[in-house]
Amino acid sequence: MTGRRTRDLSRSPLLPAASAARYAGMPPPAPHTEAGLRSLLARLTAPAADISTVAVGHSRDTASRTAAEVFTAAWQAAGGTVVAVVDWPERAASWLRPAVRLTARSPDAWVIAAAPLGWAQLSRRLSLSTDWDPHRTFAFPPLEPDADPDSAPRP
């Protein structure tokens, strides 16, 4: 038993084309800020959070990749453990590979730095195919809280 919920295998893991098109006008990820990094670290290290292991996910643009690298270094410097760093493209056939890699080591939380469309697609795959918990997912500020125009799972 994997613990995964029963999935409707007839549902496509991809956003419908009309939903995906709503992301076309969204700006690309902006570079992270020190304030954003501090805020993210504060939420993850709050006593009630009880988080020691994270999986870090990022899209392949420069701003997201850099944010993930900076977060990973800061998290490890603070004594936390990064169990995976996973990237993904803005367009893919199914996003299954990065979804499985993000969840394989059962982290306490996920940290995301990503472009909105790729994240919307990946979060849909995570919801449909893994034990991912959106309530244990944290993102750099540009994704929070209103980047998703179609009510897909948000970090």
C-alpha atoms as a PDB file:
ATOM      1  CA  MET A   1       0.000   0.000   0.000  1.00  0.00           C
ATOM      2  CA  THR A   2       1.494   3.313  -1.057  1.00  0.00           C
ATOM      3  CA  GLY A   3      -0.818   5.510   0.964  1.00  0.00           C
ATOM      4  CA  ARG A   4      -1.833   7.368  -2.167  1.00  0.00           C
ATOM      5  CA  ARG A   5      -5.440   8.267  -2.552  1.00  0.00           C
ATOM      6  CA  THR A   6      -7.422   6.502  -5.242  1.00  0.00           C
ATOM      7  CA  ARG A   7      -6.919   8.430  -8.482  1.00  0.00           C
ATOM      8  CA  ASP A   8      -9.270   8.989 -11.387  1.00  0.00           C
ATOM      9  CA  LEU A   9      -6.984   7.695 -14.113  1.00  0.00           C
ATOM     10  CA  SER A  10      -9.326   8.984 -16.816  1.00  0.00           C
ATOM     11  CA  ARG A  11      -8.491  12.591 -15.866  1.00  0.00           C
ATOM     12  CA  SER A  12      -5.658  14.174 -17.775  1.00  0.00           C
ATOM     13  CA  PRO A  13      -2.812  15.505 -15.638  1.00  0.00           C
ATOM     14  CA  LEU A  14      -2.645  18.548 -17.922  1.00  0.00           C
ATOM     15  CA  LEU A  15      -4.622  21.726 -17.458  1.00  0.00           C
ATOM     16  CA  PRO A  16      -7.282  22.144 -20.127  1.00  0.00           C
ATOM     17  CA  ALA A  17      -6.019  24.382 -22.943  1.00  0.00           C
ATOM     18  CA  ALA A  18      -8.374  27.238 -22.045  1.00  0.00           C
ATOM     19  CA  SER A  19      -7.124  27.218 -18.448  1.00  0.00           C
ATOM     20  CA  ALA A  20      -3.477  27.069 -19.495  1.00  0.00           C
ATOM     21  CA  ALA A  21      -4.033  29.990 -21.884  1.00  0.00           C
ATOM     22  CA  ARG A  22      -4.962  32.224 -18.934  1.00  0.00           C
ATOM     23  CA  TYR A  23      -1.332  32.108 -17.830  1.00  0.00           C
ATOM     24  CA  ALA A  24      -0.055  33.559 -21.127  1.00  0.00           C
ATOM     25  CA  GLY A  25      -0.088  37.159 -19.911  1.00  0.00           C
ATOM     26  CA  MET A  26       1.438  36.496 -16.520  1.00  0.00           C
ATOM     27  CA  PRO A  27       4.868  37.994 -15.949  1.00  0.00           C
ATOM     28  CA  PRO A  28       7.898  35.723 -15.648  1.00  0.00           C
ATOM     29  CA  PRO A  29       9.293  35.117 -12.176  1.00  0.00           C
ATOM     30  CA  ALA A  30      11.067  38.084 -10.669  1.00  0.00           C
ATOM     31  CA  PRO A  31      14.362  37.658  -8.857  1.00  0.00           C
ATOM     32  CA  HIS A  32      13.968  36.698  -5.207  1.00  0.00           C
ATOM     33  CA  THR A  33      14.472  39.322  -2.539  1.00  0.00           C
ATOM     34  CA  GLU A  34      16.255  39.015   0.770  1.00  0.00           C
ATOM     35  CA  ALA A  35      12.995  39.937   2.499  1.00  0.00           C
ATOM     36  CA  GLY A  36      11.190  37.164   0.634  1.00  0.00           C
ATOM     37  CA  LEU A  37      13.880  34.662   1.579  1.00  0.00           C
ATOM     38  CA  ARG A  38      13.765  35.722   5.245  1.00  0.00           C
ATOM     39  CA  SER A  39       9.965  35.440   5.267  1.00  0.00           C
ATOM     40  CA  LEU A  40      10.084  31.986   3.725  1.00  0.00           C
ATOM     41  CA  LEU A  41      12.721  30.784   6.189  1.00  0.00           C
ATOM     42  CA  ALA A  42      10.757  32.241   9.122  1.00  0.00           C
ATOM     43  CA  ARG A  43       7.606  30.337   8.119  1.00  0.00           C
ATOM     44  CA  LEU A  44       9.530  27.091   7.724  1.00  0.00           C
ATOM     45  CA  THR A  45      11.403  27.422  11.015  1.00  0.00           C
ATOM     46  CA  ALA A  46       8.469  28.536  13.156  1.00  0.00           C
ATOM     47  CA  PRO A  47       8.207  26.177  16.148  1.00  0.00           C
ATOM     48  CA  ALA A  48       4.730  24.981  15.163  1.00  0.00           C
ATOM     49  CA  ALA A  49       5.905  24.128  11.625  1.00  0.00           C
ATOM     50  CA  ASP A  50       8.053  21.185  12.810  1.00  0.00           C
ATOM     51  CA  ILE A  51       9.962  21.054   9.512  1.00  0.00           C
ATOM     52  CA  SER A  52      13.481  19.691   9.123  1.00  0.00           C
ATOM     53  CA  THR A  53      13.472  18.154   5.633  1.00  0.00           C
ATOM     54  CA  VAL A  54      12.381  19.882   2.442  1.00  0.00           C
ATOM     55  CA  ALA A  55      12.258  19.127  -1.245  1.00  0.00           C
ATOM     56  CA  VAL A  56      12.956  22.160  -3.405  1.00  0.00           C
ATOM     57  CA  GLY A  57      11.339  22.559  -6.802  1.00  0.00           C
ATOM     58  CA  HIS A  58      11.935  25.197  -9.438  1.00  0.00           C
ATOM     59  CA  SER A  59      11.209  26.004 -13.021  1.00  0.00           C
ATOM     60  CA  ARG A  60      14.181  26.423 -15.338  1.00  0.00           C
ATOM     61  CA  ASP A  61      14.201  30.206 -15.684  1.00  0.00           C
ATOM     62  CA  THR A  62      17.105  32.103 -14.151  1.00  0.00           C
ATOM     63  CA  ALA A  63      15.140  33.812 -11.369  1.00  0.00           C
ATOM     64  CA  SER A  64      13.534  30.566 -10.154  1.00  0.00           C
ATOM     65  CA  ARG A  65      16.763  28.574 -10.374  1.00  0.00           C
ATOM     66  CA  THR A  66      18.665  31.256  -8.453  1.00  0.00           C
ATOM     67  CA  ALA A  67      15.958  31.506  -5.777  1.00  0.00           C
ATOM     68  CA  ALA A  68      16.072  27.725  -5.307  1.00  0.00           C
ATOM     69  CA  GLU A  69      19.864  27.763  -5.016  1.00  0.00           C
ATOM     70  CA  VAL A  70      19.851  30.625  -2.500  1.00  0.00           C
ATOM     71  CA  PHE A  71      17.119  28.973  -0.435  1.00  0.00           C
ATOM     72  CA  THR A  72      18.891  25.595  -0.485  1.00  0.00           C
ATOM     73  CA  ALA A  73      22.133  27.140   0.773  1.00  0.00           C
ATOM     74  CA  ALA A  74      20.348  29.117   3.506  1.00  0.00           C
ATOM     75  CA  TRP A  75      18.278  26.123   4.628  1.00  0.00           C
ATOM     76  CA  GLN A  76      21.329  23.884   4.885  1.00  0.00           C
ATOM     77  CA  ALA A  77      23.328  26.605   6.655  1.00  0.00           C
ATOM     78  CA  ALA A  78      20.526  26.763   9.244  1.00  0.00           C
ATOM     79  CA  GLY A  79      20.822  23.005   9.833  1.00  0.00           C
ATOM     80  CA  GLY A  80      17.936  21.852   7.629  1.00  0.00           C
ATOM     81  CA  THR A  81      18.098  18.973   5.182  1.00  0.00           C
ATOM     82  CA  VAL A  82      17.262  19.204   1.493  1.00  0.00           C
ATOM     83  CA  VAL A  83      16.199  15.754   0.292  1.00  0.00           C
ATOM     84  CA  ALA A  84      15.768  16.723  -3.377  1.00  0.00           C
ATOM     85  CA  VAL A  85      16.169  19.626  -5.760  1.00  0.00           C
ATOM     86  CA  VAL A  86      13.964  19.160  -8.808  1.00  0.00           C
ATOM     87  CA  ASP A  87      13.488  21.312 -11.882  1.00  0.00           C
ATOM     88  CA  TRP A  88      10.906  21.198 -14.659  1.00  0.00           C
ATOM     89  CA  PRO A  89      10.174  22.879 -18.004  1.00  0.00           C
ATOM     90  CA  GLU A  90       7.274  25.230 -18.651  1.00  0.00           C
ATOM     91  CA  ARG A  91       5.827  22.696 -21.076  1.00  0.00           C
ATOM     92  CA  ALA A  92       5.952  18.918 -20.692  1.00  0.00           C
ATOM     93  CA  ALA A  93       3.961  15.873 -21.681  1.00  0.00           C
ATOM     94  CA  SER A  94       2.780  15.013 -18.177  1.00  0.00           C
ATOM     95  CA  TRP A  95       5.056  16.330 -15.376  1.00  0.00           C
ATOM     96  CA  LEU A  96       5.093  12.857 -13.823  1.00  0.00           C
ATOM     97  CA  ARG A  97       8.879  12.590 -13.470  1.00  0.00           C
ATOM     98  CA  PRO A  98       9.356  15.832 -11.483  1.00  0.00           C
ATOM     99  CA  ALA A  99       6.235  15.088  -9.408  1.00  0.00           C
ATOM    100  CA  VAL A 100       7.589  11.693  -8.394  1.00  0.00           C
ATOM    101  CA  ARG A 101      11.047  13.100  -7.669  1.00  0.00           C
ATOM    102  CA  LEU A 102       9.600  15.873  -5.461  1.00  0.00           C
ATOM    103  CA  THR A 103       7.622  13.439  -3.338  1.00  0.00           C
ATOM    104  CA  ALA A 104       9.819  10.314  -3.349  1.00  0.00           C
ATOM    105  CA  ARG A 105      11.681  11.044  -0.106  1.00  0.00           C
ATOM    106  CA  SER A 106       8.582  12.164   1.849  1.00  0.00           C
ATOM    107  CA  PRO A 107       9.864  15.578   2.949  1.00  0.00           C
ATOM    108  CA  ASP A 108       8.295  17.524   5.786  1.00  0.00           C
ATOM    109  CA  ALA A 109       7.600  20.351   3.298  1.00  0.00           C
ATOM    110  CA  TRP A 110       8.082  21.508  -0.272  1.00  0.00           C
ATOM    111  CA  VAL A 111       9.607  24.836  -1.296  1.00  0.00           C
ATOM    112  CA  ILE A 112       8.753  26.147  -4.754  1.00  0.00           C
ATOM    113  CA  ALA A 113      10.276  28.858  -6.957  1.00  0.00           C
ATOM    114  CA  ALA A 114       8.561  28.772 -10.313  1.00  0.00           C
ATOM    115  CA  ALA A 115       6.855  30.367 -13.253  1.00  0.00           C
ATOM    116  CA  PRO A 116       3.065  30.235 -12.848  1.00  0.00           C
ATOM    117  CA  LEU A 117       2.131  27.993 -15.801  1.00  0.00           C
ATOM    118  CA  GLY A 118       4.697  25.296 -15.097  1.00  0.00           C
ATOM    119  CA  TRP A 119       3.809  25.320 -11.413  1.00  0.00           C
ATOM    120  CA  ALA A 120       0.079  25.077 -12.176  1.00  0.00           C
ATOM    121  CA  GLN A 121       0.722  22.097 -14.428  1.00  0.00           C
ATOM    122  CA  LEU A 122       3.059  20.403 -11.948  1.00  0.00           C
ATOM    123  CA  SER A 123       0.796  21.020  -8.946  1.00  0.00           C
ATOM    124  CA  ARG A 124      -2.066  19.421 -10.868  1.00  0.00           C
ATOM    125  CA  ARG A 125       0.112  16.346 -11.504  1.00  0.00           C
ATOM    126  CA  LEU A 126       1.202  16.303  -7.872  1.00  0.00           C
ATOM    127  CA  SER A 127      -2.453  16.343  -6.775  1.00  0.00           C
ATOM    128  CA  LEU A 128      -3.469  13.585  -9.156  1.00  0.00           C
ATOM    129  CA  SER A 129      -0.521  11.231  -8.787  1.00  0.00           C
ATOM    130  CA  THR A 130       1.291  11.613  -5.462  1.00  0.00           C
ATOM    131  CA  ASP A 131       0.893  12.090  -1.715  1.00  0.00           C
ATOM    132  CA  TRP A 132       1.835  15.760  -2.043  1.00  0.00           C
ATOM    133  CA  ASP A 133       0.188  18.039   0.494  1.00  0.00           C
ATOM    134  CA  PRO A 134      -0.426  21.599  -0.707  1.00  0.00           C
ATOM    135  CA  HIS A 135      -0.744  22.715   2.931  1.00  0.00           C
ATOM    136  CA  ARG A 136       2.914  21.789   3.449  1.00  0.00           C
ATOM    137  CA  THR A 137       4.052  23.695   0.357  1.00  0.00           C
ATOM    138  CA  PHE A 138       5.759  27.070   0.550  1.00  0.00           C
ATOM    139  CA  ALA A 139       6.674  29.389  -2.292  1.00  0.00           C
ATOM    140  CA  PHE A 140       8.682  32.492  -2.951  1.00  0.00           C
ATOM    141  CA  PRO A 141       6.401  35.563  -2.901  1.00  0.00           C
ATOM    142  CA  PRO A 142       5.654  35.978  -6.639  1.00  0.00           C
ATOM    143  CA  LEU A 143       3.643  32.723  -6.526  1.00  0.00           C
ATOM    144  CA  GLU A 144       1.756  33.680  -3.407  1.00  0.00           C
ATOM    145  CA  PRO A 145      -1.128  33.891  -3.063  1.00  0.00           C
ATOM    146  CA  ASP A 146      -2.870  35.009  -6.257  1.00  0.00           C
ATOM    147  CA  ALA A 147      -0.727  33.753  -9.154  1.00  0.00           C
ATOM    148  CA  ASP A 148      -3.214  31.053 -10.093  1.00  0.00           C
ATOM    149  CA  PRO A 149      -6.092  32.385 -12.181  1.00  0.00           C
ATOM    150  CA  ASP A 150      -7.842  29.012 -12.452  1.00  0.00           C
ATOM    151  CA  SER A 151      -8.044  27.771  -8.848  1.00  0.00           C
ATOM    152  CA  ALA A 152      -5.468  25.013  -9.318  1.00  0.00           C
ATOM    153  CA  PRO A 153      -3.729  24.023  -6.061  1.00  0.00           C
ATOM    154  CA  ARG A 154      -1.687  26.893  -4.712  1.00  0.00           C
ATOM    155  CA  PRO A 155       1.419  26.761  -2.584  1.00  0.00           C
END
